[in-house]
C-alpha atoms as a PDB file:
ATOM      1  CA  MET A   1     -35.601 -43.246  19.031  1.00  0.00           C
ATOM      2  CA  ARG A   2     -32.237 -41.831  17.964  1.00  0.00           C
ATOM      3  CA  LEU A   3     -31.710 -40.868  14.334  1.00  0.00           C
ATOM      4  CA  MET A   4     -28.910 -42.965  12.858  1.00  0.00           C
ATOM      5  CA  ILE A   5     -26.810 -41.920   9.880  1.00  0.00           C
ATOM      6  CA  VAL A   6     -25.362 -44.505   7.521  1.00  0.00           C
ATOM      7  CA  GLY A   7     -22.548 -44.106   5.009  1.00  0.00           C
ATOM      8  CA  LEU A   8     -22.191 -46.789   2.342  1.00  0.00           C
ATOM      9  CA  ASP A   9     -19.187 -47.277   0.076  1.00  0.00           C
ATOM     10  CA  VAL A  10     -20.697 -49.430  -2.670  1.00  0.00           C
ATOM     11  CA  HIS A  11     -18.745 -51.661  -5.042  1.00  0.00           C
ATOM     12  CA  LYS A  12     -19.738 -54.314  -7.550  1.00  0.00           C
ATOM     13  CA  LYS A  13     -19.394 -57.305  -5.225  1.00  0.00           C
ATOM     14  CA  VAL A  14     -18.957 -55.889  -1.716  1.00  0.00           C
ATOM     15  CA  CYS A  15     -19.884 -52.793   0.285  1.00  0.00           C
ATOM     16  CA  TYR A  16     -18.466 -51.155   3.399  1.00  0.00           C
ATOM     17  CA  GLY A  17     -20.844 -49.428   5.756  1.00  0.00           C
ATOM     18  CA  ALA A  18     -20.563 -47.121   8.734  1.00  0.00           C
ATOM     19  CA  VAL A  19     -23.399 -46.316  11.155  1.00  0.00           C
ATOM     20  CA  MET A  20     -23.151 -43.324  13.481  1.00  0.00           C
ATOM     21  CA  ASP A  21     -25.432 -41.234  15.646  1.00  0.00           C
ATOM     22  CA  GLU A  22     -26.182 -37.516  15.285  1.00  0.00           C
ATOM     23  CA  LYS A  23     -23.094 -36.647  17.353  1.00  0.00           C
ATOM     24  CA  GLY A  24     -20.777 -38.580  15.044  1.00  0.00           C
ATOM     25  CA  LYS A  25     -20.161 -41.549  17.343  1.00  0.00           C
ATOM     26  CA  VAL A  26     -19.656 -44.679  15.259  1.00  0.00           C
ATOM     27  CA  ALA A  27     -22.001 -47.445  16.360  1.00  0.00           C
ATOM     28  CA  LYS A  28     -21.227 -50.028  13.700  1.00  0.00           C
ATOM     29  CA  GLN A  29     -18.850 -50.689  10.828  1.00  0.00           C
ATOM     30  CA  ALA A  30     -18.814 -53.738   8.604  1.00  0.00           C
ATOM     31  CA  LYS A  31     -18.042 -55.136   5.192  1.00  0.00           C
ATOM     32  CA  PHE A  32     -20.871 -57.017   3.504  1.00  0.00           C
ATOM     33  CA  THR A  33     -21.821 -58.514   0.166  1.00  0.00           C
ATOM     34  CA  ASN A  34     -23.587 -56.374  -2.414  1.00  0.00           C
ATOM     35  CA  ASP A  35     -26.810 -58.364  -2.537  1.00  0.00           C
ATOM     36  CA  PRO A  36     -30.229 -58.093  -0.826  1.00  0.00           C
ATOM     37  CA  GLU A  37     -29.223 -60.481   1.946  1.00  0.00           C
ATOM     38  CA  GLY A  38     -26.020 -58.611   2.725  1.00  0.00           C
ATOM     39  CA  VAL A  39     -27.712 -55.213   2.796  1.00  0.00           C
ATOM     40  CA  GLU A  40     -30.577 -56.495   4.932  1.00  0.00           C
ATOM     41  CA  ALA A  41     -28.158 -58.048   7.431  1.00  0.00           C
ATOM     42  CA  PHE A  42     -26.141 -54.833   7.753  1.00  0.00           C
ATOM     43  CA  MET A  43     -29.238 -52.631   8.161  1.00  0.00           C
ATOM     44  CA  GLU A  44     -30.855 -54.971  10.710  1.00  0.00           C
ATOM     45  CA  GLY A  45     -32.214 -53.040  13.667  1.00  0.00           C
ATOM     46  CA  LEU A  46     -32.176 -49.702  11.836  1.00  0.00           C
ATOM     47  CA  THR A  47     -35.496 -48.044  11.021  1.00  0.00           C
ATOM     48  CA  GLU A  48     -35.927 -44.874   8.963  1.00  0.00           C
ATOM     49  CA  ALA A  49     -32.205 -44.134   8.985  1.00  0.00           C
ATOM     50  CA  GLN A  50     -30.562 -41.498   6.826  1.00  0.00           C
ATOM     51  CA  VAL A  51     -28.284 -43.147   4.288  1.00  0.00           C
ATOM     52  CA  ALA A  52     -25.588 -41.616   2.072  1.00  0.00           C
ATOM     53  CA  MET A  53     -24.022 -43.458  -0.853  1.00  0.00           C
ATOM     54  CA  GLU A  54     -22.081 -42.418  -3.930  1.00  0.00           C
ATOM     55  CA  ALA A  55     -23.548 -42.524  -7.415  1.00  0.00           C
ATOM     56  CA  GLY A  56     -21.410 -45.231  -8.956  1.00  0.00           C
ATOM     57  CA  TYR A  57     -21.639 -48.240 -11.221  1.00  0.00           C
ATOM     58  CA  CYS A  58     -24.133 -50.284  -9.198  1.00  0.00           C
ATOM     59  CA  TRP A  59     -25.997 -47.911  -6.880  1.00  0.00           C
ATOM     60  CA  GLN A  60     -29.553 -48.516  -8.126  1.00  0.00           C
ATOM     61  CA  PRO A  61     -30.457 -51.904  -6.544  1.00  0.00           C
ATOM     62  CA  ILE A  62     -29.248 -50.873  -3.088  1.00  0.00           C
ATOM     63  CA  TYR A  63     -30.818 -47.417  -3.370  1.00  0.00           C
ATOM     64  CA  ASP A  64     -34.209 -48.859  -4.332  1.00  0.00           C
ATOM     65  CA  ALA A  65     -34.076 -51.576  -1.644  1.00  0.00           C
ATOM     66  CA  LEU A  66     -33.240 -49.086   1.116  1.00  0.00           C
ATOM     67  CA  GLU A  67     -35.863 -46.598  -0.053  1.00  0.00           C
ATOM     68  CA  ASP A  68     -38.510 -49.349  -0.166  1.00  0.00           C
ATOM     69  CA  SER A  69     -37.553 -50.202   3.430  1.00  0.00           C
ATOM     70  CA  GLY A  70     -38.438 -46.681   4.546  1.00  0.00           C
ATOM     71  CA  HIS A  71     -34.944 -45.207   4.822  1.00  0.00           C
ATOM     72  CA  ASP A  72     -34.102 -41.660   3.715  1.00  0.00           C
ATOM     73  CA  VAL A  73     -31.491 -42.338   1.020  1.00  0.00           C
ATOM     74  CA  ARG A  74     -29.268 -39.602  -0.454  1.00  0.00           C
ATOM     75  CA  LEU A  75     -27.088 -40.098  -3.511  1.00  0.00           C
ATOM     76  CA  ALA A  76     -23.764 -38.251  -3.401  1.00  0.00           C
ATOM     77  CA  HIS A  77     -22.206 -36.757  -6.523  1.00  0.00           C
ATOM     78  CA  PRO A  78     -18.839 -38.586  -6.882  1.00  0.00           C
ATOM     79  CA  LYS A  79     -16.896 -35.650  -8.342  1.00  0.00           C
ATOM     80  CA  GLU A  80     -18.273 -33.237  -5.777  1.00  0.00           C
ATOM     81  CA  VAL A  81     -17.385 -35.289  -2.703  1.00  0.00           C
ATOM     82  CA  LYS A  82     -14.009 -33.585  -2.379  1.00  0.00           C
ATOM     83  CA  ALA A  83     -13.404 -34.893   1.124  1.00  0.00           C
ATOM     84  CA  ILE A  84     -13.162 -38.373  -0.395  1.00  0.00           C
ATOM     85  CA  ALA A  85     -11.675 -37.571  -3.788  1.00  0.00           C
ATOM     86  CA  LYS A  86      -8.763 -35.549  -2.328  1.00  0.00           C
ATOM     87  CA  ALA A  87      -8.125 -37.579   0.820  1.00  0.00           C
ATOM     88  CA  ARG A  88      -4.502 -38.566   1.451  1.00  0.00           C
ATOM     89  CA  VAL A  89      -5.580 -41.811   3.063  1.00  0.00           C
ATOM     90  CA  LYS A  90      -8.402 -43.405   1.092  1.00  0.00           C
ATOM     91  CA  THR A  91      -9.943 -46.718   2.135  1.00  0.00           C
ATOM     92  CA  ASP A  92     -13.447 -48.140   1.989  1.00  0.00           C
ATOM     93  CA  LYS A  93     -13.720 -47.775   5.748  1.00  0.00           C
ATOM     94  CA  ILE A  94     -12.744 -44.097   5.696  1.00  0.00           C
ATOM     95  CA  ASP A  95     -14.941 -43.372   2.664  1.00  0.00           C
ATOM     96  CA  SER A  96     -18.042 -44.790   4.368  1.00  0.00           C
ATOM     97  CA  GLN A  97     -17.346 -42.731   7.494  1.00  0.00           C
ATOM     98  CA  THR A  98     -16.777 -39.578   5.431  1.00  0.00           C
ATOM     99  CA  LEU A  99     -20.104 -40.013   3.629  1.00  0.00           C
ATOM    100  CA  ALA A 100     -21.891 -40.417   6.958  1.00  0.00           C
ATOM    101  CA  HIS A 101     -20.170 -37.349   8.432  1.00  0.00           C
ATOM    102  CA  LEU A 102     -21.042 -35.216   5.385  1.00  0.00           C
ATOM    103  CA  LEU A 103     -24.680 -36.269   5.604  1.00  0.00           C
ATOM    104  CA  ARG A 104     -24.738 -35.642   9.366  1.00  0.00           C
ATOM    105  CA  ALA A 105     -23.370 -32.117   8.829  1.00  0.00           C
ATOM    106  CA  ASP A 106     -25.744 -31.449   5.920  1.00  0.00           C
ATOM    107  CA  LEU A 107     -22.747 -30.996   3.600  1.00  0.00           C
ATOM    108  CA  LEU A 108     -23.374 -33.912   1.250  1.00  0.00           C
ATOM    109  CA  PRO A 109     -23.319 -32.796  -2.438  1.00  0.00           C
ATOM    110  CA  GLU A 110     -26.336 -34.673  -3.751  1.00  0.00           C
ATOM    111  CA  SER A 111     -26.823 -36.100  -7.207  1.00  0.00           C
ATOM    112  CA  TYR A 112     -30.182 -36.088  -8.999  1.00  0.00           C
ATOM    113  CA  VAL A 113     -32.022 -39.407  -8.772  1.00  0.00           C
ATOM    114  CA  PRO A 114     -34.416 -39.901 -11.704  1.00  0.00           C
ATOM    115  CA  PRO A 115     -37.728 -41.637 -11.005  1.00  0.00           C
ATOM    116  CA  PRO A 116     -38.037 -45.255 -12.200  1.00  0.00           C
ATOM    117  CA  ASP A 117     -39.819 -44.384 -15.456  1.00  0.00           C
ATOM    118  CA  ILE A 118     -37.078 -41.931 -16.456  1.00  0.00           C
ATOM    119  CA  ARG A 119     -34.409 -44.468 -15.500  1.00  0.00           C
ATOM    120  CA  ASP A 120     -36.093 -47.064 -17.707  1.00  0.00           C
ATOM    121  CA  LEU A 121     -36.319 -44.624 -20.631  1.00  0.00           C
ATOM    122  CA  ARG A 122     -32.690 -43.591 -20.144  1.00  0.00           C
ATOM    123  CA  ASP A 123     -31.629 -47.232 -20.211  1.00  0.00           C
ATOM    124  CA  ARG A 124     -33.532 -47.864 -23.456  1.00  0.00           C
ATOM    125  CA  VAL A 125     -32.218 -44.865 -25.397  1.00  0.00           C
ATOM    126  CA  ARG A 126     -28.660 -45.622 -24.304  1.00  0.00           C
ATOM    127  CA  ARG A 127     -29.095 -49.277 -25.227  1.00  0.00           C
ATOM    128  CA  ARG A 128     -30.146 -48.275 -28.724  1.00  0.00           C
ATOM    129  CA  ALA A 129     -27.032 -46.108 -28.997  1.00  0.00           C
ATOM    130  CA  PHE A 130     -24.932 -49.099 -27.902  1.00  0.00           C
ATOM    131  CA  LEU A 131     -26.495 -51.342 -30.567  1.00  0.00           C
ATOM    132  CA  VAL A 132     -26.040 -48.705 -33.272  1.00  0.00           C
ATOM    133  CA  ASN A 133     -22.378 -48.293 -32.302  1.00  0.00           C
ATOM    134  CA  MET A 134     -21.919 -52.051 -32.538  1.00  0.00           C
ATOM    135  CA  ARG A 135     -23.513 -52.053 -35.995  1.00  0.00           C
ATOM    136  CA  THR A 136     -21.199 -49.255 -37.119  1.00  0.00           C
ATOM    137  CA  MET A 137     -18.215 -51.260 -35.873  1.00  0.00           C
ATOM    138  CA  VAL A 138     -19.313 -54.299 -37.899  1.00  0.00           C
ATOM    139  CA  LYS A 139     -19.887 -52.182 -41.016  1.00  0.00           C
ATOM    140  CA  ASN A 140     -16.420 -50.677 -40.654  1.00  0.00           C
ATOM    141  CA  ARG A 141     -14.995 -54.183 -40.404  1.00  0.00           C
ATOM    142  CA  VAL A 142     -16.683 -55.119 -43.699  1.00  0.00           C
ATOM    143  CA  HIS A 143     -15.252 -52.010 -45.374  1.00  0.00           C
ATOM    144  CA  SER A 144     -11.752 -52.828 -44.076  1.00  0.00           C
ATOM    145  CA  GLU A 145     -11.949 -56.413 -45.361  1.00  0.00           C
ATOM    146  CA  HIS A 146     -12.791 -55.071 -48.819  1.00  0.00           C
ATOM    147  CA  ALA A 147     -10.071 -52.435 -48.672  1.00  0.00           C
ATOM    148  CA  LYS A 148      -7.425 -55.065 -47.821  1.00  0.00           C
ATOM    149  CA  ARG A 149      -8.382 -56.964 -50.993  1.00  0.00           C
ATOM    150  CA  GLY A 150      -8.874 -53.937 -53.222  1.00  0.00           C
ATOM    151  CA  VAL A 151     -12.574 -54.729 -53.710  1.00  0.00           C
ATOM    152  CA  ARG A 152     -14.735 -51.799 -54.855  1.00  0.00           C
ATOM    153  CA  LEU A 153     -18.389 -52.543 -55.558  1.00  0.00           C
ATOM    154  CA  GLY A 154     -19.488 -49.024 -56.557  1.00  0.00           C
ATOM    155  CA  VAL A 155     -22.827 -49.249 -54.707  1.00  0.00           C
ATOM    156  CA  SER A 156     -23.976 -48.736 -51.142  1.00  0.00           C
ATOM    157  CA  LEU A 157     -23.254 -51.942 -49.271  1.00  0.00           C
ATOM    158  CA  TRP A 158     -26.178 -51.531 -46.895  1.00  0.00           C
ATOM    159  CA  THR A 159     -29.050 -51.563 -49.378  1.00  0.00           C
ATOM    160  CA  ARG A 160     -30.769 -54.792 -50.425  1.00  0.00           C
ATOM    161  CA  GLU A 161     -28.733 -54.785 -53.652  1.00  0.00           C
ATOM    162  CA  GLY A 162     -25.518 -54.147 -51.731  1.00  0.00           C
ATOM    163  CA  ARG A 163     -26.163 -56.985 -49.284  1.00  0.00           C
ATOM    164  CA  ALA A 164     -26.762 -59.367 -52.195  1.00  0.00           C
ATOM    165  CA  LEU A 165     -23.459 -58.326 -53.776  1.00  0.00           C
ATOM    166  CA  LEU A 166     -21.651 -58.842 -50.464  1.00  0.00           C
ATOM    167  CA  ARG A 167     -22.938 -62.377 -50.164  1.00  0.00           C
ATOM    168  CA  GLY A 168     -22.068 -63.104 -53.785  1.00  0.00           C
ATOM    169  CA  LEU A 169     -18.387 -62.311 -53.202  1.00  0.00           C
ATOM    170  CA  ALA A 170     -18.033 -65.401 -51.000  1.00  0.00           C
ATOM    171  CA  LEU A 171     -15.454 -63.752 -48.718  1.00  0.00           C
ATOM    172  CA  GLU A 172     -15.301 -65.792 -45.509  1.00  0.00           C
ATOM    173  CA  ALA A 173     -14.220 -62.798 -43.402  1.00  0.00           C
ATOM    174  CA  VAL A 174     -17.304 -60.896 -44.570  1.00  0.00           C
ATOM    175  CA  ASP A 175     -19.770 -63.802 -44.608  1.00  0.00           C
ATOM    176  CA  GLN A 176     -19.034 -64.533 -40.943  1.00  0.00           C
ATOM    177  CA  VAL A 177     -20.006 -61.035 -39.779  1.00  0.00           C
ATOM    178  CA  LEU A 178     -23.046 -60.463 -41.995  1.00  0.00           C
ATOM    179  CA  PRO A 179     -25.346 -62.573 -39.729  1.00  0.00           C
ATOM    180  CA  VAL A 180     -24.204 -60.392 -36.808  1.00  0.00           C
ATOM    181  CA  LEU A 181     -25.164 -57.329 -38.833  1.00  0.00           C
ATOM    182  CA  ASP A 182     -28.588 -58.814 -39.607  1.00  0.00           C
ATOM    183  CA  THR A 183     -29.200 -59.551 -35.916  1.00  0.00           C
ATOM    184  CA  LEU A 184     -28.228 -56.028 -34.932  1.00  0.00           C
ATOM    185  CA  ASP A 185     -30.541 -54.579 -37.589  1.00  0.00           C
ATOM    186  CA  ASP A 186     -33.426 -56.645 -36.210  1.00  0.00           C
ATOM    187  CA  GLN A 187     -32.810 -55.624 -32.594  1.00  0.00           C
ATOM    188  CA  ILE A 188     -32.388 -51.952 -33.488  1.00  0.00           C
ATOM    189  CA  ALA A 189     -35.665 -52.091 -35.387  1.00  0.00           C
ATOM    190  CA  VAL A 190     -37.428 -53.603 -32.349  1.00  0.00           C
ATOM    191  CA  ILE A 191     -36.177 -51.001 -29.887  1.00  0.00           C
ATOM    192  CA  SER A 192     -36.749 -48.184 -32.409  1.00  0.00           C
ATOM    193  CA  ARG A 193     -40.414 -49.145 -32.788  1.00  0.00           C
ATOM    194  CA  ASP A 194     -40.799 -49.111 -29.017  1.00  0.00           C
ATOM    195  CA  LEU A 195     -39.153 -45.688 -28.735  1.00  0.00           C
ATOM    196  CA  LYS A 196     -41.306 -44.236 -31.516  1.00  0.00           C
ATOM    197  CA  ARG A 197     -44.392 -45.423 -29.640  1.00  0.00           C
ATOM    198  CA  ARG A 198     -43.097 -43.886 -26.411  1.00  0.00           C
ATOM    199  CA  CYS A 199     -42.402 -40.611 -28.176  1.00  0.00           C
ATOM    200  CA  GLY A 200     -45.976 -40.489 -29.432  1.00  0.00           C
ATOM    201  CA  GLU A 201     -47.265 -41.048 -25.891  1.00  0.00           C
ATOM    202  CA  ASP A 202     -45.011 -38.461 -24.213  1.00  0.00           C
ATOM    203  CA  PRO A 203     -46.205 -34.853 -24.639  1.00  0.00           C
ATOM    204  CA  ARG A 204     -42.737 -33.490 -23.800  1.00  0.00           C
ATOM    205  CA  ALA A 205     -41.094 -35.580 -26.517  1.00  0.00           C
ATOM    206  CA  ARG A 206     -43.819 -34.732 -29.049  1.00  0.00           C
ATOM    207  CA  LEU A 207     -43.312 -31.035 -28.428  1.00  0.00           C
ATOM    208  CA  LEU A 208     -39.551 -31.387 -28.785  1.00  0.00           C
ATOM    209  CA  THR A 209     -39.957 -32.999 -32.206  1.00  0.00           C
ATOM    210  CA  THR A 210     -41.532 -29.757 -33.476  1.00  0.00           C
ATOM    211  CA  ILE A 211     -38.037 -28.214 -33.284  1.00  0.00           C
ATOM    212  CA  PRO A 212     -36.241 -28.702 -36.616  1.00  0.00           C
ATOM    213  CA  GLY A 213     -33.440 -31.212 -36.191  1.00  0.00           C
ATOM    214  CA  VAL A 214     -35.014 -33.040 -33.249  1.00  0.00           C
ATOM    215  CA  GLY A 215     -36.372 -36.473 -34.158  1.00  0.00           C
ATOM    216  CA  TYR A 216     -38.098 -39.025 -31.978  1.00  0.00           C
ATOM    217  CA  TYR A 217     -34.844 -40.536 -30.688  1.00  0.00           C
ATOM    218  CA  THR A 218     -33.189 -37.213 -29.904  1.00  0.00           C
ATOM    219  CA  ALA A 219     -36.365 -36.000 -28.193  1.00  0.00           C
ATOM    220  CA  LEU A 220     -36.540 -39.049 -25.917  1.00  0.00           C
ATOM    221  CA  LEU A 221     -32.825 -38.841 -25.193  1.00  0.00           C
ATOM    222  CA  ILE A 222     -33.236 -35.220 -24.112  1.00  0.00           C
ATOM    223  CA  VAL A 223     -36.278 -36.046 -21.965  1.00  0.00           C
ATOM    224  CA  SER A 224     -34.494 -38.959 -20.280  1.00  0.00           C
ATOM    225  CA  GLU A 225     -31.343 -36.972 -19.541  1.00  0.00           C
ATOM    226  CA  ILE A 226     -33.132 -33.872 -18.249  1.00  0.00           C
ATOM    227  CA  GLY A 227     -35.665 -35.706 -16.099  1.00  0.00           C
ATOM    228  CA  ASP A 228     -37.453 -33.088 -14.018  1.00  0.00           C
ATOM    229  CA  VAL A 229     -36.811 -29.877 -15.947  1.00  0.00           C
ATOM    230  CA  ASN A 230     -37.968 -27.789 -12.976  1.00  0.00           C
ATOM    231  CA  ARG A 231     -34.674 -28.548 -11.225  1.00  0.00           C
ATOM    232  CA  PHE A 232     -33.045 -26.086 -13.643  1.00  0.00           C
ATOM    233  CA  PRO A 233     -33.904 -22.440 -12.859  1.00  0.00           C
ATOM    234  CA  ASP A 234     -32.940 -21.286 -16.365  1.00  0.00           C
ATOM    235  CA  SER A 235     -31.447 -22.432 -19.671  1.00  0.00           C
ATOM    236  CA  GLY A 236     -27.962 -21.450 -18.520  1.00  0.00           C
ATOM    237  CA  LYS A 237     -28.065 -24.050 -15.748  1.00  0.00           C
ATOM    238  CA  LEU A 238     -29.294 -26.632 -18.238  1.00  0.00           C
ATOM    239  CA  CYS A 239     -26.386 -25.817 -20.572  1.00  0.00           C
ATOM    240  CA  SER A 240     -24.030 -26.169 -17.622  1.00  0.00           C
ATOM    241  CA  TYR A 241     -25.495 -29.597 -16.866  1.00  0.00           C
ATOM    242  CA  ALA A 242     -24.855 -30.551 -20.502  1.00  0.00           C
ATOM    243  CA  GLY A 243     -21.245 -29.364 -20.222  1.00  0.00           C
ATOM    244  CA  LEU A 244     -21.743 -26.819 -23.009  1.00  0.00           C
ATOM    245  CA  VAL A 245     -20.660 -23.704 -21.110  1.00  0.00           C
ATOM    246  CA  PRO A 246     -17.091 -22.401 -21.537  1.00  0.00           C
ATOM    247  CA  THR A 247     -14.529 -22.753 -18.788  1.00  0.00           C
ATOM    248  CA  VAL A 248     -13.687 -19.516 -16.969  1.00  0.00           C
ATOM    249  CA  ARG A 249     -10.360 -18.588 -15.368  1.00  0.00           C
ATOM    250  CA  ARG A 250     -10.312 -15.407 -13.275  1.00  0.00           C
ATOM    251  CA  SER A 251      -7.173 -14.048 -11.626  1.00  0.00           C
ATOM    252  CA  GLY A 252      -6.991 -10.479 -10.375  1.00  0.00           C
ATOM    253  CA  GLY A 253      -8.661  -8.345 -12.994  1.00  0.00           C
ATOM    254  CA  THR A 254      -8.145 -10.829 -15.840  1.00  0.00           C
ATOM    255  CA  THR A 255     -10.819 -13.193 -17.124  1.00  0.00           C
ATOM    256  CA  ARG A 256     -10.088 -15.920 -19.664  1.00  0.00           C
ATOM    257  CA  HIS A 257     -12.624 -18.165 -21.353  1.00  0.00           C
ATOM    258  CA  GLY A 258     -11.580 -21.567 -22.620  1.00  0.00           C
ATOM    259  CA  GLY A 259     -13.242 -24.566 -24.212  1.00  0.00           C
ATOM    260  CA  ILE A 260     -16.467 -26.083 -22.946  1.00  0.00           C
ATOM    261  CA  THR A 261     -16.371 -27.800 -19.562  1.00  0.00           C
ATOM    262  CA  LYS A 262     -17.654 -31.186 -20.816  1.00  0.00           C
ATOM    263  CA  GLU A 263     -19.025 -31.774 -17.317  1.00  0.00           C
ATOM    264  CA  GLY A 264     -22.428 -33.276 -16.596  1.00  0.00           C
ATOM    265  CA  SER A 265     -24.377 -35.362 -19.092  1.00  0.00           C
ATOM    266  CA  ARG A 266     -22.343 -36.244 -22.180  1.00  0.00           C
ATOM    267  CA  TRP A 267     -25.478 -37.792 -23.658  1.00  0.00           C
ATOM    268  CA  LEU A 268     -27.393 -34.513 -23.468  1.00  0.00           C
ATOM    269  CA  ARG A 269     -24.411 -32.641 -24.913  1.00  0.00           C
ATOM    270  CA  TRP A 270     -24.237 -35.108 -27.796  1.00  0.00           C
ATOM    271  CA  ALA A 271     -27.988 -34.855 -28.445  1.00  0.00           C
ATOM    272  CA  LEU A 272     -27.952 -31.052 -28.581  1.00  0.00           C
ATOM    273  CA  THR A 273     -24.899 -30.840 -30.846  1.00  0.00           C
ATOM    274  CA  GLN A 274     -26.276 -33.483 -33.212  1.00  0.00           C
ATOM    275  CA  ALA A 275     -29.564 -31.599 -33.344  1.00  0.00           C
ATOM    276  CA  VAL A 276     -27.667 -28.446 -34.359  1.00  0.00           C
ATOM    277  CA  HIS A 277     -26.051 -30.202 -37.342  1.00  0.00           C
ATOM    278  CA  THR A 278     -29.507 -31.057 -38.682  1.00  0.00           C
ATOM    279  CA  HIS A 279     -31.198 -27.834 -37.557  1.00  0.00           C
ATOM    280  CA  ILE A 280     -28.888 -25.585 -39.605  1.00  0.00           C
ATOM    281  CA  ARG A 281     -30.290 -27.093 -42.808  1.00  0.00           C
ATOM    282  CA  TYR A 282     -33.452 -25.115 -42.098  1.00  0.00           C
ATOM    283  CA  GLU A 283     -33.881 -21.362 -42.264  1.00  0.00           C
ATOM    284  CA  THR A 284     -34.397 -20.272 -38.659  1.00  0.00           C
ATOM    285  CA  SER A 285     -33.072 -17.603 -36.317  1.00  0.00           C
ATOM    286  CA  LEU A 286     -30.701 -20.186 -34.812  1.00  0.00           C
ATOM    287  CA  THR A 287     -29.387 -21.047 -38.273  1.00  0.00           C
ATOM    288  CA  ARG A 288     -28.707 -17.379 -38.973  1.00  0.00           C
ATOM    289  CA  PHE A 289     -26.943 -17.108 -35.612  1.00  0.00           C
ATOM    290  CA  TYR A 290     -24.799 -20.121 -36.511  1.00  0.00           C
ATOM    291  CA  ARG A 291     -23.861 -18.696 -39.920  1.00  0.00           C
ATOM    292  CA  ARG A 292     -22.851 -15.331 -38.466  1.00  0.00           C
ATOM    293  CA  LEU A 293     -20.638 -17.027 -35.890  1.00  0.00           C
ATOM    294  CA  ALA A 294     -19.193 -19.553 -38.367  1.00  0.00           C
ATOM    295  CA  GLU A 295     -17.898 -16.671 -40.491  1.00  0.00           C
ATOM    296  CA  LYS A 296     -15.668 -15.546 -37.611  1.00  0.00           C
ATOM    297  CA  LYS A 297     -15.056 -18.681 -35.537  1.00  0.00           C
ATOM    298  CA  PRO A 298     -14.164 -22.340 -36.204  1.00  0.00           C
ATOM    299  CA  ASN A 299     -17.156 -24.496 -37.100  1.00  0.00           C
ATOM    300  CA  GLN A 300     -17.084 -26.494 -33.863  1.00  0.00           C
ATOM    301  CA  VAL A 301     -17.155 -23.306 -31.810  1.00  0.00           C
ATOM    302  CA  ALA A 302     -20.199 -22.129 -33.781  1.00  0.00           C
ATOM    303  CA  VAL A 303     -21.924 -25.499 -33.258  1.00  0.00           C
ATOM    304  CA  MET A 304     -21.368 -25.426 -29.496  1.00  0.00           C
ATOM    305  CA  ALA A 305     -22.583 -21.838 -29.216  1.00  0.00           C
ATOM    306  CA  THR A 306     -25.714 -22.716 -31.192  1.00  0.00           C
ATOM    307  CA  ALA A 307     -26.307 -25.789 -29.024  1.00  0.00           C
ATOM    308  CA  ARG A 308     -26.226 -23.504 -25.971  1.00  0.00           C
ATOM    309  CA  LYS A 309     -28.948 -21.371 -27.522  1.00  0.00           C
ATOM    310  CA  MET A 310     -31.260 -24.277 -28.288  1.00  0.00           C
ATOM    311  CA  PRO A 311     -32.540 -24.592 -24.685  1.00  0.00           C
ATOM    312  CA  GLY A 312     -33.054 -20.819 -24.539  1.00  0.00           C
ATOM    313  CA  GLY A 313     -34.767 -20.935 -27.906  1.00  0.00           C
ATOM    314  CA  GLY A 314     -37.549 -23.192 -26.679  1.00  0.00           C
ATOM    315  CA  LEU A 315     -35.982 -26.526 -25.792  1.00  0.00           C
ATOM    316  CA  LEU A 316     -36.149 -25.919 -22.031  1.00  0.00           C
ATOM    317  CA  ASP A 317     -39.804 -24.918 -22.179  1.00  0.00           C
ATOM    318  CA  ALA A 318     -40.641 -27.794 -24.511  1.00  0.00           C
ATOM    319  CA  ALA A 319     -39.109 -30.366 -22.193  1.00  0.00           C
END
């Protein structure tokens, strides 16, 4: 039986697929709906094919369905697929063929695919961040409504006493958003309890919380973003994945270092930098390193440099 290679250009509602043999001869091309029936119809007659698809907005259902069907599925890194990103003529048809050709030639830049449990954890920690951001937006709206009217209560608005004062003002613009704030508080409390339980059950997360500045949420966020830590040969590669390493420009005999790359996982970068802000309240070797650097460099530069040292200072081994 001939090995068939499949390239899939996946979108929210539709996909475009190309099937070719090992010599690059296209056997089938078609547009189909992005649902189980559409995928099954396109893959009919193919067994244990090699499939390439880009890591985009809605890759997971198709990836899981194809893998469960026995196909060898590879996830391409969108930014690294230069043949597609820099093509002069870019269509779904051409993109699907290009993915298949790259896989056939063993040139496909693959993206890490977390196992289902890590994907579930990643979804939960990000969902909590989304809810907290929504709550902050509502709180800011309450502050702005008071500022427009010159209202100053002189107490924290988010304590029990502050909430009672807010309701006593009888401001319609505030009263209408307070129930939203209460609902968000309840949902954040529910997901926070679940994450605290998960942290207690995960030895990697528990070990991470022994680092000053790393709480249960930060620990689980780091675990979910790193996934299999063995895919990083050293802490430098992990820092690169977090986008914390400086950009480098070399020309002739001149080397220039710029700001951090900000490539890779923005969530991991955020977690490490937030951990630094709390960590420097404690007296540790990292705190002393931060202080020495902060005397000569801007604060943000010192924070980023300290965040790069956190994996090397035990975070990589702890994960």
